[in-house]
Amino acid sequence: MNSLVVNLLFALSWVFFFGEFNALTLSSGFVLGYAVLWLLYPLTGGPSGYFLRVWYWIRLIGMFHYELVVSSISVFIDVITPKHRARPAIIEMPLSVKSDAGILLVTNLITLTPGTLSLDVSEDRKTLKIHAMFADNPEAVCAELKNGMERWVIDALER
């Protein structure tokens, strides 16, 4: 049986055990079920991809929030100081992500981060045009996005 289905069954059993269906009991049941499945993994020999996938999603969410805070502070400092550091540019970033969901997630994460905006995806889905507020070195901005957000999305969706 699929590990996600078993984990959901653990979470629902936890909810029924407590008799309250709310976000706290469901999420705590999901975390407890994940821990139980992880501890039983050597005995059951089930697929380990589920555990890595959950870890990759947690990392994607955590690192996006980190980037969100850092870029918000950077844009805030540039707005309130009299001397502006912004050197906007339009950058073309080659895409390594292949799936439609991956491209959608990468473009949305880039757009949601202050200081960057996804403009267009090429017809062949291999290039993404981005407007960056701080693009003193466009190659560095492109490398940062590829090694950061795009890699995290590839890990979470396509591995």
Protein backbone atom coordinates (compact mmCIF):
# COMPACT_ATOMS: atom_id res chain seq x y z
CA MET A 1 0.00 0.00 0.00
CA ASN A 2 1.15 3.54 -0.73
CA SER A 3 2.96 5.14 2.22
CA LEU A 4 0.97 8.36 1.87
CA VAL A 5 -2.32 6.45 2.13
CA VAL A 6 -1.09 4.60 5.22
CA ASN A 7 0.05 7.88 6.75
CA LEU A 8 -3.36 9.44 6.07
CA LEU A 9 -5.03 6.43 7.69
CA PHE A 10 -2.79 6.92 10.74
CA ALA A 11 -3.75 10.59 10.86
CA LEU A 12 -7.48 9.82 10.61
CA SER A 13 -7.16 7.14 13.29
CA TRP A 14 -5.48 9.72 15.52
CA VAL A 15 -8.34 12.15 14.91
CA PHE A 16 -10.92 9.49 15.77
CA PHE A 17 -8.93 8.54 18.88
CA PHE A 18 -9.17 12.12 20.16
CA GLY A 19 -12.71 12.65 18.89
CA GLU A 20 -11.98 16.11 17.50
CA PHE A 21 -11.54 16.86 13.83
CA ASN A 22 -9.41 20.01 13.62
CA ALA A 23 -6.13 21.06 12.04
CA LEU A 24 -4.07 20.42 15.17
CA THR A 25 -5.16 16.81 15.70
CA LEU A 26 -4.95 16.01 11.99
CA SER A 27 -1.46 17.49 11.59
CA SER A 28 -0.18 15.89 14.80
CA GLY A 29 -1.60 12.56 13.64
CA PHE A 30 0.09 13.01 10.28
CA VAL A 31 3.45 13.78 11.95
CA LEU A 32 3.08 10.83 14.33
CA GLY A 33 2.11 8.55 11.45
CA TYR A 34 5.14 9.71 9.48
CA ALA A 35 7.39 8.95 12.47
CA VAL A 36 5.85 5.49 12.92
CA LEU A 37 6.27 4.68 9.23
CA TRP A 38 9.85 5.91 9.32
CA LEU A 39 10.62 3.73 12.35
CA LEU A 40 8.94 0.69 10.75
CA TYR A 41 10.63 1.18 7.39
CA PRO A 42 13.50 -1.28 8.06
CA LEU A 43 10.96 -3.98 9.01
CA THR A 44 8.52 -3.46 6.16
CA GLY A 45 11.00 -2.70 3.40
CA GLY A 46 8.58 -0.22 1.89
CA PRO A 47 9.57 2.43 -0.63
CA SER A 48 11.82 5.13 0.79
CA GLY A 49 10.85 7.71 -1.84
CA TYR A 50 7.97 8.90 0.32
CA PHE A 51 10.27 9.91 3.17
CA LEU A 52 12.61 11.81 0.86
CA ARG A 53 9.69 13.51 -0.90
CA VAL A 54 8.29 14.78 2.42
CA TRP A 55 11.73 16.04 3.40
CA TYR A 56 12.15 17.82 0.04
CA TRP A 57 8.74 19.54 0.42
CA ILE A 58 9.59 20.68 3.96
CA ARG A 59 12.92 22.01 2.69
CA LEU A 60 11.22 23.81 -0.24
CA ILE A 61 8.71 25.51 2.05
CA GLY A 62 11.34 26.45 4.62
CA MET A 63 13.87 27.78 2.13
CA PHE A 64 11.19 29.76 0.27
CA HIS A 65 10.19 31.46 3.51
CA TYR A 66 13.86 32.21 4.22
CA GLU A 67 14.27 33.75 0.74
CA LEU A 68 11.03 35.67 1.24
CA VAL A 69 12.29 37.27 4.46
CA VAL A 70 15.77 38.04 3.11
CA SER A 71 14.50 39.60 -0.12
CA SER A 72 11.81 41.56 1.73
CA ILE A 73 14.46 43.08 3.98
CA SER A 74 16.65 43.87 0.96
CA VAL A 75 13.81 45.61 -0.90
CA PHE A 76 12.72 47.43 2.28
CA ILE A 77 16.23 48.77 2.88
CA ASP A 78 16.47 49.92 -0.73
CA VAL A 79 13.13 51.71 -0.51
CA ILE A 80 13.80 53.57 2.76
CA THR A 81 17.38 54.66 2.07
CA PRO A 82 18.07 57.74 -0.05
CA LYS A 83 20.66 55.99 -2.23
CA HIS A 84 19.13 53.22 -4.29
CA ARG A 85 21.07 50.03 -4.89
CA ALA A 86 18.60 48.65 -7.42
CA ARG A 87 19.97 47.84 -10.88
CA PRO A 88 16.96 46.26 -12.60
CA ALA A 89 17.40 43.99 -15.58
CA ILE A 90 15.58 41.35 -17.56
CA ILE A 91 17.34 38.01 -17.35
CA GLU A 92 16.83 34.88 -19.40
CA MET A 93 17.21 31.79 -17.26
CA PRO A 94 17.44 28.36 -18.90
CA LEU A 95 15.03 25.94 -17.22
CA SER A 96 16.04 22.50 -16.03
CA VAL A 97 12.60 21.69 -14.63
CA LYS A 98 10.57 19.65 -17.13
CA SER A 99 7.00 19.22 -15.88
CA ASP A 100 4.24 21.79 -16.24
CA ALA A 101 3.67 21.73 -12.47
CA GLY A 102 7.37 22.32 -11.87
CA ILE A 103 7.51 25.26 -14.28
CA LEU A 104 4.38 26.71 -12.70
CA LEU A 105 5.79 26.35 -9.19
CA VAL A 106 9.17 27.87 -10.11
CA THR A 107 7.57 30.85 -11.83
CA ASN A 108 5.17 31.45 -8.96
CA LEU A 109 7.89 31.21 -6.30
CA ILE A 110 10.06 33.67 -8.24
CA THR A 111 7.13 36.07 -8.63
CA LEU A 112 6.16 35.81 -4.96
CA THR A 113 9.69 36.73 -3.86
CA PRO A 114 10.07 40.53 -3.60
CA GLY A 115 12.51 41.96 -6.11
CA THR A 116 11.91 39.34 -8.81
CA LEU A 117 9.12 38.80 -11.30
CA SER A 118 8.55 36.01 -13.83
CA LEU A 119 7.67 37.56 -17.16
CA ASP A 120 7.39 34.79 -19.74
CA VAL A 121 8.19 31.17 -20.51
CA SER A 122 9.46 30.47 -24.02
CA GLU A 123 7.38 28.39 -26.44
CA ASP A 124 9.72 25.41 -26.09
CA ARG A 125 9.53 25.71 -22.26
CA LYS A 126 13.31 25.87 -21.92
CA THR A 127 13.81 29.55 -21.01
CA LEU A 128 12.22 31.79 -18.40
CA LYS A 129 12.38 35.59 -18.64
CA ILE A 130 12.73 37.24 -15.24
CA HIS A 131 12.78 40.87 -14.15
CA ALA A 132 15.21 41.23 -11.25
CA MET A 133 15.44 44.36 -9.13
CA PHE A 134 19.02 43.76 -8.01
CA ALA A 135 20.78 42.50 -11.14
CA ASP A 136 24.27 43.97 -10.91
CA ASN A 137 25.52 40.60 -12.12
CA PRO A 138 22.79 38.85 -14.16
CA GLU A 139 24.73 35.59 -14.34
CA ALA A 140 24.96 35.46 -10.55
CA VAL A 141 21.23 36.12 -10.17
CA CYS A 142 20.48 33.37 -12.68
CA ALA A 143 22.83 30.94 -10.94
CA GLU A 144 21.31 31.78 -7.55
CA LEU A 145 17.79 31.08 -8.82
CA LYS A 146 18.83 27.86 -10.56
CA ASN A 147 20.76 26.53 -7.56
CA GLY A 148 18.06 27.65 -5.16
CA MET A 149 14.39 27.68 -6.08
CA GLU A 150 14.59 25.63 -9.25
CA ARG A 151 16.68 22.89 -7.63
CA TRP A 152 14.32 22.75 -4.63
CA VAL A 153 11.31 22.40 -6.94
CA ILE A 154 13.03 19.67 -8.96
CA ASP A 155 13.78 17.78 -5.74
CA ALA A 156 10.22 18.13 -4.46
CA LEU A 157 8.36 17.33 -7.69
CA GLU A 158 10.53 15.36 -10.08
CA ARG A 159 12.76 13.04 -8.08
